[in-house]
C-alpha atoms as a PDB file:
ATOM      1  CA  MET A   1     163.121 159.743 162.207  1.00  0.00           C
ATOM      2  CA  THR A   2     160.678 162.330 161.798  1.00  0.00           C
ATOM      3  CA  PRO A   3     161.951 165.577 161.826  1.00  0.00           C
ATOM      4  CA  PRO A   4     161.113 168.247 164.321  1.00  0.00           C
ATOM      5  CA  PRO A   5     158.445 170.419 163.793  1.00  0.00           C
ATOM      6  CA  LEU A   6     160.801 173.339 164.650  1.00  0.00           C
ATOM      7  CA  ASP A   7     164.368 173.159 164.509  1.00  0.00           C
ATOM      8  CA  ILE A   8     167.019 176.230 165.676  1.00  0.00           C
ATOM      9  CA  GLU A   9     170.302 176.353 165.269  1.00  0.00           C
ATOM     10  CA  SER A  10     172.424 179.101 166.670  1.00  0.00           C
ATOM     11  CA  LEU A  11     170.297 181.902 165.448  1.00  0.00           C
ATOM     12  CA  THR A  12     171.765 185.220 165.742  1.00  0.00           C
ATOM     13  CA  ARG A  13     170.092 188.633 164.681  1.00  0.00           C
ATOM     14  CA  ARG A  14     171.099 192.394 164.939  1.00  0.00           C
ATOM     15  CA  PHE A  15     169.823 195.765 164.565  1.00  0.00           C
ATOM     16  CA  GLY A  16     172.601 197.537 164.050  1.00  0.00           C
ATOM     17  CA  ASP A  17     175.058 197.136 166.911  1.00  0.00           C
ATOM     18  CA  VAL A  18     172.450 195.678 169.255  1.00  0.00           C
ATOM     19  CA  VAL A  19     172.077 191.960 169.216  1.00  0.00           C
ATOM     20  CA  ALA A  20     168.808 190.881 169.458  1.00  0.00           C
ATOM     21  CA  VAL A  21     169.205 187.155 169.487  1.00  0.00           C
ATOM     22  CA  ARG A  22     172.608 185.613 169.955  1.00  0.00           C
ATOM     23  CA  GLU A  23     173.541 182.181 169.148  1.00  0.00           C
ATOM     24  CA  LEU A  24     170.141 180.574 170.139  1.00  0.00           C
ATOM     25  CA  SER A  25     169.607 177.168 169.758  1.00  0.00           C
ATOM     26  CA  LEU A  26     166.266 175.476 170.410  1.00  0.00           C
ATOM     27  CA  GLN A  27     163.943 172.504 169.049  1.00  0.00           C
ATOM     28  CA  VAL A  28     159.757 172.289 169.156  1.00  0.00           C
ATOM     29  CA  ARG A  29     159.683 168.733 169.316  1.00  0.00           C
ATOM     30  CA  ALA A  30     156.660 166.865 167.829  1.00  0.00           C
ATOM     31  CA  GLY A  31     153.705 166.685 170.418  1.00  0.00           C
ATOM     32  CA  GLU A  32     154.446 169.384 172.534  1.00  0.00           C
ATOM     33  CA  ILE A  33     153.706 172.862 173.346  1.00  0.00           C
ATOM     34  CA  LEU A  34     156.941 174.627 173.703  1.00  0.00           C
ATOM     35  CA  GLY A  35     156.183 177.997 175.667  1.00  0.00           C
ATOM     36  CA  PHE A  36     158.855 180.759 174.777  1.00  0.00           C
ATOM     37  CA  LEU A  37     159.211 183.557 177.705  1.00  0.00           C
ATOM     38  CA  GLY A  38     161.310 186.504 178.713  1.00  0.00           C
ATOM     39  CA  PRO A  39     161.097 189.933 179.516  1.00  0.00           C
ATOM     40  CA  ASN A  40     160.582 192.906 177.202  1.00  0.00           C
ATOM     41  CA  GLY A  41     163.560 192.979 174.879  1.00  0.00           C
ATOM     42  CA  ALA A  42     164.494 189.551 175.396  1.00  0.00           C
ATOM     43  CA  GLY A  43     164.210 188.818 171.372  1.00  0.00           C
ATOM     44  CA  LYS A  44     161.092 186.648 171.275  1.00  0.00           C
ATOM     45  CA  THR A  45     159.114 188.203 168.900  1.00  0.00           C
ATOM     46  CA  THR A  46     162.663 188.705 166.593  1.00  0.00           C
ATOM     47  CA  THR A  47     162.979 184.883 166.886  1.00  0.00           C
ATOM     48  CA  LEU A  48     159.526 184.307 165.774  1.00  0.00           C
ATOM     49  CA  ARG A  49     159.948 186.626 162.910  1.00  0.00           C
ATOM     50  CA  CYS A  50     163.010 185.123 161.873  1.00  0.00           C
ATOM     51  CA  CYS A  51     161.250 181.876 161.912  1.00  0.00           C
ATOM     52  CA  ALA A  52     158.673 182.833 160.341  1.00  0.00           C
ATOM     53  CA  GLY A  53     160.584 184.662 157.278  1.00  0.00           C
ATOM     54  CA  LEU A  54     160.014 188.179 158.164  1.00  0.00           C
ATOM     55  CA  LEU A  55     163.422 188.651 159.231  1.00  0.00           C
ATOM     56  CA  GLU A  56     166.642 187.402 157.706  1.00  0.00           C
ATOM     57  CA  PRO A  57     169.003 186.085 160.268  1.00  0.00           C
ATOM     58  CA  HIS A  58     172.615 187.361 160.532  1.00  0.00           C
ATOM     59  CA  ALA A  59     173.728 183.459 161.462  1.00  0.00           C
ATOM     60  CA  GLY A  60     172.261 180.497 162.165  1.00  0.00           C
ATOM     61  CA  ALA A  61     169.766 177.872 160.271  1.00  0.00           C
ATOM     62  CA  ILE A  62     166.306 177.272 160.906  1.00  0.00           C
ATOM     63  CA  ARG A  63     164.286 174.141 159.518  1.00  0.00           C
ATOM     64  CA  ILE A  64     160.391 173.492 159.621  1.00  0.00           C
ATOM     65  CA  ASP A  65     159.627 170.042 159.529  1.00  0.00           C
ATOM     66  CA  GLY A  66     162.969 169.287 158.367  1.00  0.00           C
ATOM     67  CA  VAL A  67     162.991 171.929 155.409  1.00  0.00           C
ATOM     68  CA  SER A  68     165.483 174.925 155.371  1.00  0.00           C
ATOM     69  CA  LEU A  69     164.088 178.028 155.508  1.00  0.00           C
ATOM     70  CA  ALA A  70     167.192 179.683 153.535  1.00  0.00           C
ATOM     71  CA  ALA A  71     167.206 177.031 150.845  1.00  0.00           C
ATOM     72  CA  ASP A  72     163.684 176.714 150.349  1.00  0.00           C
ATOM     73  CA  PRO A  73     161.590 179.503 151.929  1.00  0.00           C
ATOM     74  CA  ARG A  74     158.230 178.298 149.978  1.00  0.00           C
ATOM     75  CA  GLY A  75     158.345 174.983 151.277  1.00  0.00           C
ATOM     76  CA  ALA A  76     159.581 175.891 154.614  1.00  0.00           C
ATOM     77  CA  LYS A  77     156.684 178.467 155.322  1.00  0.00           C
ATOM     78  CA  ALA A  78     153.989 175.858 153.702  1.00  0.00           C
ATOM     79  CA  ARG A  79     154.344 173.944 156.970  1.00  0.00           C
ATOM     80  CA  MET A  80     154.069 176.629 159.795  1.00  0.00           C
ATOM     81  CA  GLY A  81     151.258 178.805 160.453  1.00  0.00           C
ATOM     82  CA  LEU A  82     151.780 181.910 162.411  1.00  0.00           C
ATOM     83  CA  VAL A  83     149.739 184.371 164.578  1.00  0.00           C
ATOM     84  CA  PRO A  84     151.682 187.413 164.872  1.00  0.00           C
ATOM     85  CA  ASP A  85     151.553 190.038 167.695  1.00  0.00           C
ATOM     86  CA  ARG A  86     150.327 192.787 165.477  1.00  0.00           C
ATOM     87  CA  VAL A  87     147.456 191.061 163.464  1.00  0.00           C
ATOM     88  CA  PHE A  88     147.473 191.858 159.890  1.00  0.00           C
ATOM     89  CA  LEU A  89     143.941 191.389 157.885  1.00  0.00           C
ATOM     90  CA  TYR A  90     142.376 192.859 154.826  1.00  0.00           C
ATOM     91  CA  ASP A  91     139.805 194.791 156.195  1.00  0.00           C
ATOM     92  CA  LYS A  92     137.503 195.133 153.213  1.00  0.00           C
ATOM     93  CA  LEU A  93     136.871 191.339 152.993  1.00  0.00           C
ATOM     94  CA  THR A  94     134.829 189.094 155.087  1.00  0.00           C
ATOM     95  CA  ALA A  95     136.191 186.348 157.394  1.00  0.00           C
ATOM     96  CA  ARG A  96     135.065 183.994 155.253  1.00  0.00           C
ATOM     97  CA  GLU A  97     136.614 185.624 152.329  1.00  0.00           C
ATOM     98  CA  PHE A  98     140.043 186.280 154.012  1.00  0.00           C
ATOM     99  CA  LEU A  99     140.085 182.248 154.739  1.00  0.00           C
ATOM    100  CA  GLU A 100     139.169 181.799 151.275  1.00  0.00           C
ATOM    101  CA  PHE A 101     142.110 184.007 150.426  1.00  0.00           C
ATOM    102  CA  VAL A 102     144.435 182.146 152.667  1.00  0.00           C
ATOM    103  CA  ALA A 103     143.317 178.733 151.347  1.00  0.00           C
ATOM    104  CA  ALA A 104     144.270 179.824 147.650  1.00  0.00           C
ATOM    105  CA  LEU A 105     147.687 181.291 149.023  1.00  0.00           C
ATOM    106  CA  TYR A 106     148.423 177.542 149.943  1.00  0.00           C
ATOM    107  CA  ASP A 107     146.908 175.717 146.894  1.00  0.00           C
ATOM    108  CA  LEU A 108     144.244 174.110 149.287  1.00  0.00           C
ATOM    109  CA  PRO A 109     141.417 172.358 147.140  1.00  0.00           C
ATOM    110  CA  ALA A 110     138.274 174.381 147.601  1.00  0.00           C
ATOM    111  CA  ALA A 111     136.615 171.669 148.980  1.00  0.00           C
ATOM    112  CA  ASP A 112     139.078 170.619 151.440  1.00  0.00           C
ATOM    113  CA  ALA A 113     139.649 174.358 152.578  1.00  0.00           C
ATOM    114  CA  GLY A 114     135.689 174.833 152.999  1.00  0.00           C
ATOM    115  CA  ARG A 115     135.349 171.908 155.566  1.00  0.00           C
ATOM    116  CA  ARG A 116     138.163 173.173 157.103  1.00  0.00           C
ATOM    117  CA  ALA A 117     136.856 176.682 157.424  1.00  0.00           C
ATOM    118  CA  ASP A 118     133.536 175.497 158.386  1.00  0.00           C
ATOM    119  CA  ALA A 119     135.001 173.861 161.232  1.00  0.00           C
ATOM    120  CA  LEU A 120     137.095 176.365 162.240  1.00  0.00           C
ATOM    121  CA  LEU A 121     134.739 178.978 162.067  1.00  0.00           C
ATOM    122  CA  GLU A 122     132.202 177.020 164.469  1.00  0.00           C
ATOM    123  CA  ARG A 123     135.024 176.029 166.877  1.00  0.00           C
ATOM    124  CA  LEU A 124     136.032 180.243 167.392  1.00  0.00           C
ATOM    125  CA  ASP A 125     132.598 180.952 167.534  1.00  0.00           C
ATOM    126  CA  LEU A 126     132.674 182.883 164.461  1.00  0.00           C
ATOM    127  CA  GLY A 127     129.620 182.177 162.748  1.00  0.00           C
ATOM    128  CA  ASP A 128     127.708 185.181 163.179  1.00  0.00           C
ATOM    129  CA  ALA A 129     130.690 187.460 161.942  1.00  0.00           C
ATOM    130  CA  GLU A 130     132.201 185.399 159.446  1.00  0.00           C
ATOM    131  CA  HIS A 131     130.373 187.135 156.363  1.00  0.00           C
ATOM    132  CA  ASP A 132     130.738 190.858 158.010  1.00  0.00           C
ATOM    133  CA  LEU A 133     133.730 193.030 156.791  1.00  0.00           C
ATOM    134  CA  ILE A 134     136.991 192.735 159.156  1.00  0.00           C
ATOM    135  CA  GLU A 135     137.042 195.997 159.709  1.00  0.00           C
ATOM    136  CA  THR A 136     133.443 195.713 161.307  1.00  0.00           C
ATOM    137  CA  HIS A 137     135.233 193.068 163.858  1.00  0.00           C
ATOM    138  CA  SER A 138     136.292 193.771 167.220  1.00  0.00           C
ATOM    139  CA  LEU A 139     139.821 193.127 168.427  1.00  0.00           C
ATOM    140  CA  GLY A 140     139.091 189.618 169.890  1.00  0.00           C
ATOM    141  CA  THR A 141     137.348 188.790 166.598  1.00  0.00           C
ATOM    142  CA  ARG A 142     139.833 189.810 164.445  1.00  0.00           C
ATOM    143  CA  GLN A 143     142.221 187.822 166.909  1.00  0.00           C
ATOM    144  CA  LYS A 144     140.451 184.572 166.195  1.00  0.00           C
ATOM    145  CA  VAL A 145     140.290 184.937 162.510  1.00  0.00           C
ATOM    146  CA  ALA A 146     144.212 185.302 162.460  1.00  0.00           C
ATOM    147  CA  ILE A 147     143.957 182.164 164.654  1.00  0.00           C
ATOM    148  CA  ALA A 148     141.694 180.327 162.059  1.00  0.00           C
ATOM    149  CA  ALA A 149     143.964 181.427 158.890  1.00  0.00           C
ATOM    150  CA  ALA A 150     146.772 179.902 160.728  1.00  0.00           C
ATOM    151  CA  LEU A 151     145.476 176.697 161.435  1.00  0.00           C
ATOM    152  CA  LEU A 152     143.751 176.291 157.955  1.00  0.00           C
ATOM    153  CA  HIS A 153     146.112 174.504 156.143  1.00  0.00           C
ATOM    154  CA  ALA A 154     146.805 172.431 158.922  1.00  0.00           C
ATOM    155  CA  PRO A 155     150.804 172.763 159.462  1.00  0.00           C
ATOM    156  CA  ARG A 156     153.197 171.113 161.238  1.00  0.00           C
ATOM    157  CA  LEU A 157     154.482 173.984 163.180  1.00  0.00           C
ATOM    158  CA  ILE A 158     152.005 176.490 164.880  1.00  0.00           C
ATOM    159  CA  MET A 159     154.120 179.749 166.407  1.00  0.00           C
ATOM    160  CA  LEU A 160     151.775 182.370 168.203  1.00  0.00           C
ATOM    161  CA  ASP A 161     153.162 185.234 169.885  1.00  0.00           C
ATOM    162  CA  GLU A 162     150.708 186.679 172.786  1.00  0.00           C
ATOM    163  CA  PRO A 163     147.581 184.526 171.091  1.00  0.00           C
ATOM    164  CA  LEU A 164     145.443 185.521 173.818  1.00  0.00           C
ATOM    165  CA  SER A 165     145.292 189.248 173.539  1.00  0.00           C
ATOM    166  CA  GLY A 166     142.142 190.337 173.151  1.00  0.00           C
ATOM    167  CA  LEU A 167     140.187 187.004 173.675  1.00  0.00           C
ATOM    168  CA  ASP A 168     137.569 186.314 175.936  1.00  0.00           C
ATOM    169  CA  PRO A 169     137.475 183.604 178.305  1.00  0.00           C
ATOM    170  CA  ARG A 170     135.766 181.183 176.183  1.00  0.00           C
ATOM    171  CA  ALA A 171     137.670 181.970 173.340  1.00  0.00           C
ATOM    172  CA  SER A 172     140.934 181.594 175.470  1.00  0.00           C
ATOM    173  CA  ARG A 173     139.942 178.016 176.647  1.00  0.00           C
ATOM    174  CA  THR A 174     139.087 176.781 173.193  1.00  0.00           C
ATOM    175  CA  LEU A 175     142.662 178.025 171.631  1.00  0.00           C
ATOM    176  CA  LYS A 176     144.062 176.353 174.224  1.00  0.00           C
ATOM    177  CA  ASP A 177     142.208 173.197 173.378  1.00  0.00           C
ATOM    178  CA  LEU A 178     142.847 173.502 169.463  1.00  0.00           C
ATOM    179  CA  LEU A 179     146.438 173.835 170.240  1.00  0.00           C
ATOM    180  CA  ARG A 180     146.798 170.907 172.707  1.00  0.00           C
ATOM    181  CA  GLU A 181     144.594 168.761 169.659  1.00  0.00           C
ATOM    182  CA  HIS A 182     147.278 169.855 167.556  1.00  0.00           C
ATOM    183  CA  ALA A 183     150.122 168.628 169.577  1.00  0.00           C
ATOM    184  CA  ASP A 184     148.629 165.567 170.372  1.00  0.00           C
ATOM    185  CA  ALA A 185     148.193 164.661 166.522  1.00  0.00           C
ATOM    186  CA  GLY A 186     151.946 165.178 166.596  1.00  0.00           C
ATOM    187  CA  GLY A 187     152.174 168.833 165.497  1.00  0.00           C
ATOM    188  CA  GLY A 188     154.444 171.121 167.469  1.00  0.00           C
ATOM    189  CA  VAL A 189     153.668 174.617 168.701  1.00  0.00           C
ATOM    190  CA  LEU A 190     155.643 177.568 169.911  1.00  0.00           C
ATOM    191  CA  VAL A 191     154.090 180.160 172.304  1.00  0.00           C
ATOM    192  CA  SER A 192     155.606 183.274 173.293  1.00  0.00           C
ATOM    193  CA  THR A 193     153.804 185.046 175.837  1.00  0.00           C
ATOM    194  CA  HIS A 194     153.701 187.164 179.169  1.00  0.00           C
ATOM    195  CA  LEU A 195     151.362 185.298 181.349  1.00  0.00           C
ATOM    196  CA  LEU A 196     153.120 182.854 182.752  1.00  0.00           C
ATOM    197  CA  GLU A 197     150.248 181.145 184.727  1.00  0.00           C
ATOM    198  CA  VAL A 198     149.018 180.528 180.895  1.00  0.00           C
ATOM    199  CA  ALA A 199     152.662 179.092 180.183  1.00  0.00           C
ATOM    200  CA  GLU A 200     152.144 177.056 183.318  1.00  0.00           C
ATOM    201  CA  ARG A 201     149.192 175.550 182.890  1.00  0.00           C
ATOM    202  CA  LEU A 202     149.133 175.151 178.796  1.00  0.00           C
ATOM    203  CA  CYS A 203     153.139 174.306 178.083  1.00  0.00           C
ATOM    204  CA  ASP A 204     154.980 171.104 178.006  1.00  0.00           C
ATOM    205  CA  ARG A 205     158.567 172.432 178.398  1.00  0.00           C
ATOM    206  CA  VAL A 206     159.419 176.260 178.248  1.00  0.00           C
ATOM    207  CA  VAL A 207     162.620 178.218 177.048  1.00  0.00           C
ATOM    208  CA  ILE A 208     163.502 181.406 178.758  1.00  0.00           C
ATOM    209  CA  LEU A 209     165.396 184.013 177.019  1.00  0.00           C
ATOM    210  CA  ALA A 210     167.128 186.931 178.603  1.00  0.00           C
ATOM    211  CA  GLY A 211     169.174 189.490 176.780  1.00  0.00           C
ATOM    212  CA  GLY A 212     169.050 187.546 173.658  1.00  0.00           C
ATOM    213  CA  ARG A 213     170.485 184.617 175.114  1.00  0.00           C
ATOM    214  CA  LYS A 214     168.689 180.960 176.358  1.00  0.00           C
ATOM    215  CA  ALA A 215     168.727 181.302 180.188  1.00  0.00           C
ATOM    216  CA  ALA A 216     166.814 178.185 180.883  1.00  0.00           C
ATOM    217  CA  GLU A 217     164.862 175.383 179.252  1.00  0.00           C
ATOM    218  CA  GLY A 218     163.204 172.305 180.523  1.00  0.00           C
ATOM    219  CA  SER A 219     159.633 171.309 182.282  1.00  0.00           C
ATOM    220  CA  LEU A 220     158.410 173.129 184.947  1.00  0.00           C
ATOM    221  CA  ALA A 221     159.613 169.885 187.358  1.00  0.00           C
ATOM    222  CA  GLU A 222     163.307 170.246 185.672  1.00  0.00           C
ATOM    223  CA  LEU A 223     163.457 173.985 185.985  1.00  0.00           C
ATOM    224  CA  ARG A 224     162.054 173.941 190.007  1.00  0.00           C
ATOM    225  CA  GLY A 225     164.849 171.569 190.669  1.00  0.00           C
ATOM    226  CA  ALA A 226     164.883 170.653 194.349  1.00  0.00           C
ATOM    227  CA  ARG A 227     162.696 173.695 195.094  1.00  0.00           C
ATOM    228  CA  HIS A 228     159.107 171.935 194.561  1.00  0.00           C
ATOM    229  CA  ASP A 229     156.732 174.329 195.978  1.00  0.00           C
ATOM    230  CA  ALA A 230     158.451 176.841 193.066  1.00  0.00           C
ATOM    231  CA  THR A 231     155.870 178.143 190.333  1.00  0.00           C
ATOM    232  CA  LEU A 232     156.995 179.397 186.954  1.00  0.00           C
ATOM    233  CA  GLU A 233     156.711 182.839 187.990  1.00  0.00           C
ATOM    234  CA  ASP A 234     159.342 182.247 190.985  1.00  0.00           C
ATOM    235  CA  VAL A 235     161.707 180.417 188.654  1.00  0.00           C
ATOM    236  CA  PHE A 236     161.176 182.834 185.798  1.00  0.00           C
ATOM    237  CA  LEU A 237     162.222 185.681 188.060  1.00  0.00           C
ATOM    238  CA  GLU A 238     165.303 184.371 189.471  1.00  0.00           C
ATOM    239  CA  LEU A 239     166.575 183.652 186.060  1.00  0.00           C
ATOM    240  CA  THR A 240     166.533 186.592 184.406  1.00  0.00           C
ATOM    241  CA  ARG A 241     167.780 188.621 188.002  1.00  0.00           C
ATOM    242  CA  GLU A 242     170.479 186.263 187.121  1.00  0.00           C
ATOM    243  CA  ALA A 243     170.817 186.858 183.621  1.00  0.00           C
ATOM    244  CA  ASP A 244     170.784 190.422 184.539  1.00  0.00           C
ATOM    245  CA  ARG A 245     173.197 190.501 186.705  1.00  0.00           C
ATOM    246  CA  ALA A 246     175.708 188.221 184.447  1.00  0.00           C
END
């Protein structure tokens, strides 16, 4: 069987005496967009940073497309693309040069990387900015460059932390289309967001974190249960209130 794009098993990460993520297990399945939801401090960004290899877990296992992040970090990272909550780009490069740099990191053949970069620059409406230094770019343009870099090597798994930050409505729609196309092609997408309406329209399933633990998981229909008229916001607020009381 083909392994899932992301498989997290009993992940735990602490910061001193504070347990930010506690025994978290989840999968991003092939062909789906999984929403990763939770209040501030729930552990979402910590989880994504562990999956990207930016933080080392204190316990648990992470596999990207079947490759252990602990045993083969280079192989696992080659199978993922990340758009972090705080985008870091090289300001003295142009958008085109930055994508060429990323392509070299992944050992992509120059011709293939160029065609892929051309397509992404066009889809994300970056043509007018591709030869300008990144330091001159607006917040939204920088975000689009980071998205293009994450998609450039066609990874099996794409992870995004608040990816719509700074994007105008047209760019937001383009990103949603790109993520759906990626999932429809057999990849997996993990999206961490506070925008519940976006998650409701975009995601096939959601995982809700509260206090570093998984409070709920499932499709919106499954989370609604008998409350057929409930929105994702209704479900989210009820589950996180229950977790706070526990």
